């Protein structure tokens, strides 16, 4: 499979997939995004003739699996702590011998932890912004001054820009401290990169066209991702050799982190010099009306319904 076209579907009869659970909701901080994504995926699969059914959260799924109600799972749970991206769900389904979309235990668990993902990327020689690991109770003020402002402070194991604080001047540090207190776990402090924010979707062994994100506000926060209608998405985000480079980097990063199936890799491009720097990988990206993987797939002529089919097809 190359980076400009997809072969015909390998499985053309939806009945071959059996009864499909679309796992959504859960109890993580990203529940509402997951429900939105899940409803879209469920509708897309049902429109193509799949015997697909909504399941809200892991406990409900376990009950259904014990009674043998599903043959495979389309996982669209986001986040950890009741979500489906931290490897717990993947290990559970492995034990039940039920196929599931997305990465396995290793890739899911690793990439849910932004700090350790960066450590793997550094070991593999892949570029990422300078960062510090902040243990619970760490002196955030001292760390910010050590790393050098401006910085982002974010929970190591949350997604969807949940709990992210931006520290541009020392006056912003107190607000970031309050954000950190609200999460209690490890925090990632990362140097802010001045430049373009881009993302690259992954489907199988194909890196989809990059998307350059241009929010109306100063940065791409939760509101810009899921609510605002004035965020611009330019696809492809880069041209020529630069586009080839970012897609190769994203695929290399995805593989280095032990990921597979489908996902998304977020990248910054420095305004001065054009250097690409990896931010994080997402193993269960959103599938909402604002989500980025469907936007990139459409550039290759893949509709939302076909995208869902191709994601699920990888479990066969």
Protein backbone atom coordinates (compact mmCIF):
# COMPACT_ATOMS: atom_id res chain seq x y z
CA UNK A 1 0.00 0.00 0.00
CA UNK A 2 1.46 3.39 -0.96
CA UNK A 3 0.82 6.84 0.37
CA UNK A 4 -1.47 8.09 -2.39
CA UNK A 5 -4.05 5.35 -2.95
CA UNK A 6 -5.69 2.43 -1.22
CA UNK A 7 -6.30 -1.02 -2.71
CA UNK A 8 -9.83 -2.41 -2.88
CA UNK A 9 -11.37 -3.54 0.39
CA UNK A 10 -10.21 -7.03 1.37
CA UNK A 11 -13.53 -7.94 2.97
CA UNK A 12 -16.62 -6.85 1.04
CA UNK A 13 -19.39 -8.58 3.01
CA UNK A 14 -20.27 -6.87 6.31
CA UNK A 15 -21.65 -10.18 7.60
CA UNK A 16 -18.08 -11.50 7.67
CA UNK A 17 -17.34 -9.23 10.61
CA UNK A 18 -20.02 -10.78 12.79
CA UNK A 19 -21.63 -8.78 15.56
CA UNK A 20 -19.63 -5.60 16.23
CA UNK A 21 -19.49 -3.65 19.50
CA UNK A 22 -18.82 0.07 19.04
CA UNK A 23 -17.26 0.85 22.39
CA UNK A 24 -17.76 4.47 23.44
CA UNK A 25 -18.37 6.74 26.41
CA UNK A 26 -16.67 5.31 29.47
CA UNK A 27 -15.77 7.29 32.54
CA UNK A 28 -12.67 9.23 31.50
CA UNK A 29 -12.47 13.02 31.21
CA UNK A 30 -13.00 12.58 27.46
CA UNK A 31 -16.38 10.83 27.79
CA UNK A 32 -18.41 13.40 25.82
CA UNK A 33 -15.96 13.43 22.91
CA UNK A 34 -16.02 9.62 22.87
CA UNK A 35 -19.82 9.51 22.80
CA UNK A 36 -19.86 11.93 19.86
CA UNK A 37 -17.24 9.88 18.01
CA UNK A 38 -19.01 6.63 18.81
CA UNK A 39 -22.37 7.77 17.51
CA UNK A 40 -20.76 8.75 14.21
CA UNK A 41 -18.93 5.43 13.86
CA UNK A 42 -22.05 3.44 14.76
CA UNK A 43 -24.15 5.27 12.18
CA UNK A 44 -21.46 4.80 9.51
CA UNK A 45 -21.17 1.06 10.11
CA UNK A 46 -24.91 0.50 10.27
CA UNK A 47 -25.34 2.44 7.01
CA UNK A 48 -23.04 -0.10 5.35
CA UNK A 49 -24.96 -3.08 6.66
CA UNK A 50 -22.89 -4.00 9.71
CA UNK A 51 -24.52 -5.68 12.69
CA UNK A 52 -23.10 -2.98 14.95
CA UNK A 53 -24.28 -1.94 18.41
CA UNK A 54 -23.31 0.76 20.91
CA UNK A 55 -21.69 -0.28 24.19
CA UNK A 56 -21.04 2.37 26.85
CA UNK A 57 -17.88 1.66 28.83
CA UNK A 58 -15.73 -1.33 29.70
CA UNK A 59 -17.95 -2.89 32.43
CA UNK A 60 -20.86 -3.13 29.98
CA UNK A 61 -18.54 -4.63 27.37
CA UNK A 62 -17.26 -7.25 29.81
CA UNK A 63 -20.80 -8.31 30.60
CA UNK A 64 -21.56 -8.65 26.89
CA UNK A 65 -18.37 -10.62 26.21
CA UNK A 66 -19.03 -13.04 29.08
CA UNK A 67 -22.34 -13.84 27.38
CA UNK A 68 -20.71 -14.12 23.94
CA UNK A 69 -22.64 -11.26 22.36
CA UNK A 70 -19.89 -9.76 20.18
CA UNK A 71 -17.33 -11.03 17.68
CA UNK A 72 -15.14 -7.91 17.52
CA UNK A 73 -14.84 -4.41 18.94
CA UNK A 74 -14.52 -1.02 17.27
CA UNK A 75 -12.85 0.91 20.09
CA UNK A 76 -13.62 4.61 20.19
CA UNK A 77 -13.13 5.07 23.94
CA UNK A 78 -10.78 7.99 24.59
CA UNK A 79 -8.39 8.55 27.46
CA UNK A 80 -7.40 6.48 30.49
CA UNK A 81 -9.07 5.79 33.85
CA UNK A 82 -12.11 4.15 32.33
CA UNK A 83 -11.10 4.98 28.77
CA UNK A 84 -9.76 2.64 26.15
CA UNK A 85 -6.34 3.98 25.23
CA UNK A 86 -4.09 2.87 28.09
CA UNK A 87 -3.68 -0.84 27.28
CA UNK A 88 -6.13 -2.17 29.89
CA UNK A 89 -8.93 -2.71 27.39
CA UNK A 90 -6.51 -4.18 24.86
CA UNK A 91 -5.23 -6.73 27.39
CA UNK A 92 -8.78 -7.61 28.40
CA UNK A 93 -9.84 -8.26 24.82
CA UNK A 94 -6.69 -10.25 24.18
CA UNK A 95 -7.64 -12.50 27.10
CA UNK A 96 -11.16 -12.91 25.67
CA UNK A 97 -9.63 -13.55 22.21
CA UNK A 98 -11.87 -10.87 20.71
CA UNK A 99 -10.30 -8.74 17.94
CA UNK A 100 -10.22 -4.98 18.48
CA UNK A 101 -9.39 -1.99 16.31
CA UNK A 102 -6.24 0.02 16.91
CA UNK A 103 -2.98 -0.65 18.71
CA UNK A 104 -2.31 -3.52 21.08
CA UNK A 105 -1.33 -3.44 24.74
CA UNK A 106 2.18 -2.04 24.29
CA UNK A 107 1.44 0.81 21.87
CA UNK A 108 -1.71 1.82 23.72
CA UNK A 109 -0.12 1.86 27.17
CA UNK A 110 3.06 3.60 26.03
CA UNK A 111 1.50 6.41 24.03
CA UNK A 112 -1.03 7.18 26.78
CA UNK A 113 2.06 8.29 28.73
CA UNK A 114 3.46 11.32 26.92
CA UNK A 115 6.70 11.37 28.92
CA UNK A 116 7.69 7.79 28.22
CA UNK A 117 6.67 8.07 24.59
CA UNK A 118 9.11 10.94 24.24
CA UNK A 119 11.82 8.89 25.93
CA UNK A 120 11.33 6.12 23.36
CA UNK A 121 11.41 8.60 20.49
CA UNK A 122 14.64 10.14 21.77
CA UNK A 123 16.21 6.69 22.01
CA UNK A 124 15.12 6.02 18.42
CA UNK A 125 16.72 9.28 17.27
CA UNK A 126 13.41 11.00 16.55
CA UNK A 127 13.01 14.75 17.29
CA UNK A 128 10.78 16.10 20.07
CA UNK A 129 10.77 19.41 22.01
CA UNK A 130 12.80 19.66 25.22
CA UNK A 131 10.81 18.61 28.26
CA UNK A 132 10.90 17.84 31.96
CA UNK A 133 9.07 15.17 33.94
CA UNK A 134 7.33 16.64 36.98
CA UNK A 135 6.55 14.22 39.79
CA UNK A 136 3.52 14.98 41.98
CA UNK A 137 4.38 17.91 44.23
CA UNK A 138 7.36 19.02 42.14
CA UNK A 139 8.42 22.66 42.19
CA UNK A 140 6.75 23.79 39.00
CA UNK A 141 8.09 27.32 39.23
CA UNK A 142 11.71 26.16 39.45
CA UNK A 143 11.16 23.70 36.58
CA UNK A 144 9.70 26.39 34.32
CA UNK A 145 12.64 28.68 34.91
CA UNK A 146 15.07 25.79 34.37
CA UNK A 147 13.51 24.72 31.06
CA UNK A 148 13.02 28.30 29.91
CA UNK A 149 9.77 30.09 29.13
CA UNK A 150 7.45 29.78 27.32
CA UNK A 151 6.31 26.25 28.16
CA UNK A 152 3.23 24.04 28.20
CA UNK A 153 2.31 22.08 31.30
CA UNK A 154 0.03 19.10 30.79
CA UNK A 155 -0.90 15.82 32.48
CA UNK A 156 1.30 13.01 31.20
CA UNK A 157 -1.70 10.74 30.65
CA UNK A 158 -4.61 12.83 29.38
CA UNK A 159 -5.74 13.74 25.88
CA UNK A 160 -7.95 16.20 23.98
CA UNK A 161 -6.01 19.15 25.50
CA UNK A 162 -7.56 18.34 28.88
CA UNK A 163 -5.76 20.07 31.76
CA UNK A 164 -3.21 21.94 29.62
CA UNK A 165 -1.74 25.18 30.98
CA UNK A 166 0.31 27.63 28.96
CA UNK A 167 3.08 29.50 30.76
CA UNK A 168 4.37 32.44 28.74
CA UNK A 169 5.57 34.66 31.60
CA UNK A 170 6.26 34.08 35.30
CA UNK A 171 2.83 35.58 36.01
CA UNK A 172 1.25 32.48 34.43
CA UNK A 173 2.98 30.01 36.74
CA UNK A 174 0.49 30.22 39.61
CA UNK A 175 -2.40 29.27 37.30
CA UNK A 176 -0.39 26.32 35.99
CA UNK A 177 0.28 25.17 39.56
CA UNK A 178 -3.47 25.08 40.20
CA UNK A 179 -4.01 22.99 37.06
CA UNK A 180 -1.32 20.55 38.18
CA UNK A 181 -2.90 20.21 41.63
CA UNK A 182 -6.16 19.21 39.99
CA UNK A 183 -4.62 16.11 38.42
CA UNK A 184 -2.27 14.80 41.07
CA UNK A 185 -0.23 12.56 38.79
CA UNK A 186 2.91 13.14 36.75
CA UNK A 187 2.97 16.29 34.64
CA UNK A 188 4.87 16.97 31.45
CA UNK A 189 6.50 20.38 31.04
CA UNK A 190 7.40 20.96 27.41
CA UNK A 191 9.10 23.86 25.68
CA UNK A 192 6.64 25.77 23.53
CA UNK A 193 7.49 25.59 19.84
CA UNK A 194 6.76 28.73 17.84
CA UNK A 195 5.50 27.62 14.47
CA UNK A 196 2.87 25.55 12.72
CA UNK A 197 0.86 22.81 14.39
CA UNK A 198 0.31 19.79 12.16
CA UNK A 199 -1.07 16.31 12.50
CA UNK A 200 -0.72 13.15 10.43
CA UNK A 201 -3.26 10.35 10.47
CA UNK A 202 -2.09 6.75 10.15
CA UNK A 203 -4.17 3.99 8.58
CA UNK A 204 -2.41 0.63 8.44
CA UNK A 205 0.99 1.31 6.93
CA UNK A 206 -0.10 4.53 5.22
CA UNK A 207 0.58 8.03 6.50
CA UNK A 208 -2.35 10.16 5.38
CA UNK A 209 -1.86 13.72 4.10
CA UNK A 210 -0.82 16.10 6.85
CA UNK A 211 -3.19 18.73 8.18
CA UNK A 212 -2.02 22.18 9.27
CA UNK A 213 -4.22 23.55 12.03
CA UNK A 214 -4.86 27.28 12.15
CA UNK A 215 -7.03 28.22 15.16
CA UNK A 216 -8.54 31.67 15.34
CA UNK A 217 -7.21 32.06 18.88
CA UNK A 218 -3.63 31.83 20.03
CA UNK A 219 -3.52 28.06 20.34
CA UNK A 220 -5.38 24.84 19.55
CA UNK A 221 -7.20 24.18 22.83
CA UNK A 222 -10.24 22.02 23.68
CA UNK A 223 -12.65 24.68 22.42
CA UNK A 224 -10.84 25.01 19.07
CA UNK A 225 -10.76 21.21 18.68
CA UNK A 226 -14.35 20.33 19.42
CA UNK A 227 -16.57 23.40 19.57
CA UNK A 228 -15.34 26.35 17.51
CA UNK A 229 -16.35 26.56 13.86
CA UNK A 230 -13.65 29.05 12.87
CA UNK A 231 -10.58 26.78 13.13
CA UNK A 232 -8.96 26.29 9.70
CA UNK A 233 -7.67 22.89 8.57
CA UNK A 234 -5.31 23.01 5.59
CA UNK A 235 -4.77 19.62 3.94
CA UNK A 236 -2.17 18.78 2.90
CA UNK A 237 -0.46 20.97 5.44
CA UNK A 238 2.88 21.07 3.64
CA UNK A 239 4.14 20.78 0.07
CA UNK A 240 6.56 18.62 -1.87
CA UNK A 241 9.55 17.24 0.02
CA UNK A 242 8.34 18.80 3.29
CA UNK A 243 5.08 16.84 3.05
CA UNK A 244 6.99 13.63 2.32
CA UNK A 245 9.23 14.29 5.32
CA UNK A 246 6.45 14.86 7.83
CA UNK A 247 4.53 11.78 6.71
CA UNK A 248 7.63 9.60 6.98
CA UNK A 249 8.46 11.04 10.41
CA UNK A 250 4.92 10.41 11.68
CA UNK A 251 4.90 6.80 10.47
CA UNK A 252 8.36 6.18 11.96
CA UNK A 253 7.20 7.64 15.28
CA UNK A 254 4.02 5.53 15.26
CA UNK A 255 5.96 2.33 14.64
CA UNK A 256 8.70 3.20 17.17
CA UNK A 257 6.04 3.56 19.87
CA UNK A 258 4.72 0.07 19.16
CA UNK A 259 1.50 1.30 17.57
CA UNK A 260 -0.52 -0.28 14.79
CA UNK A 261 -3.88 -0.31 13.06
CA UNK A 262 -4.74 3.36 12.95
CA UNK A 263 -4.04 6.52 14.87
CA UNK A 264 -2.65 10.02 14.65
CA UNK A 265 0.70 11.71 15.32
CA UNK A 266 0.89 15.40 16.24
CA UNK A 267 3.87 17.44 15.06
CA UNK A 268 5.14 21.02 15.36
CA UNK A 269 7.13 22.75 12.61
CA UNK A 270 9.41 25.52 13.82
CA UNK A 271 8.80 28.82 12.11
CA UNK A 272 12.51 29.56 12.14
CA UNK A 273 14.29 26.83 10.20
CA UNK A 274 11.35 24.49 9.56
CA UNK A 275 12.49 21.71 11.92
CA UNK A 276 9.82 19.09 12.67
CA UNK A 277 9.28 18.08 16.30
CA UNK A 278 7.04 15.26 17.52
CA UNK A 279 4.47 16.09 20.21
CA UNK A 280 2.45 12.93 20.88
CA UNK A 281 0.69 9.94 19.35
CA UNK A 282 -2.99 9.11 19.68
CA UNK A 283 -4.15 5.49 19.32
CA UNK A 284 -7.92 6.18 19.37
CA UNK A 285 -8.37 9.54 17.62
CA UNK A 286 -11.64 11.38 17.58
CA UNK A 287 -14.22 10.67 14.90
CA UNK A 288 -16.36 13.77 15.48
CA UNK A 289 -17.37 16.36 12.90
CA UNK A 290 -14.23 18.32 13.84
CA UNK A 291 -11.85 15.34 13.87
CA UNK A 292 -8.73 15.23 11.76
CA UNK A 293 -8.22 11.65 10.57
CA UNK A 294 -11.50 11.69 8.59
CA UNK A 295 -10.52 15.04 7.04
CA UNK A 296 -7.19 13.62 5.86
CA UNK A 297 -8.76 10.39 4.56
CA UNK A 298 -11.15 12.41 2.41
CA UNK A 299 -8.13 13.92 0.63
CA UNK A 300 -7.41 10.40 -0.65
CA UNK A 301 -11.01 9.84 -1.67
CA UNK A 302 -11.94 7.78 1.40
CA UNK A 303 -15.37 8.65 2.82
CA UNK A 304 -16.13 8.49 6.54
CA UNK A 305 -18.09 5.27 6.04
CA UNK A 306 -15.24 3.67 4.09
CA UNK A 307 -12.73 4.84 6.69
CA UNK A 308 -14.68 3.08 9.44
CA UNK A 309 -14.85 -0.06 7.28
CA UNK A 310 -11.09 0.01 6.63
CA UNK A 311 -10.30 0.51 10.33
CA UNK A 312 -12.50 -2.44 11.25
CA UNK A 313 -11.15 -4.52 8.35
CA UNK A 314 -7.74 -4.60 10.03
CA UNK A 315 -9.21 -6.80 12.79
CA UNK A 316 -10.04 -9.61 10.35
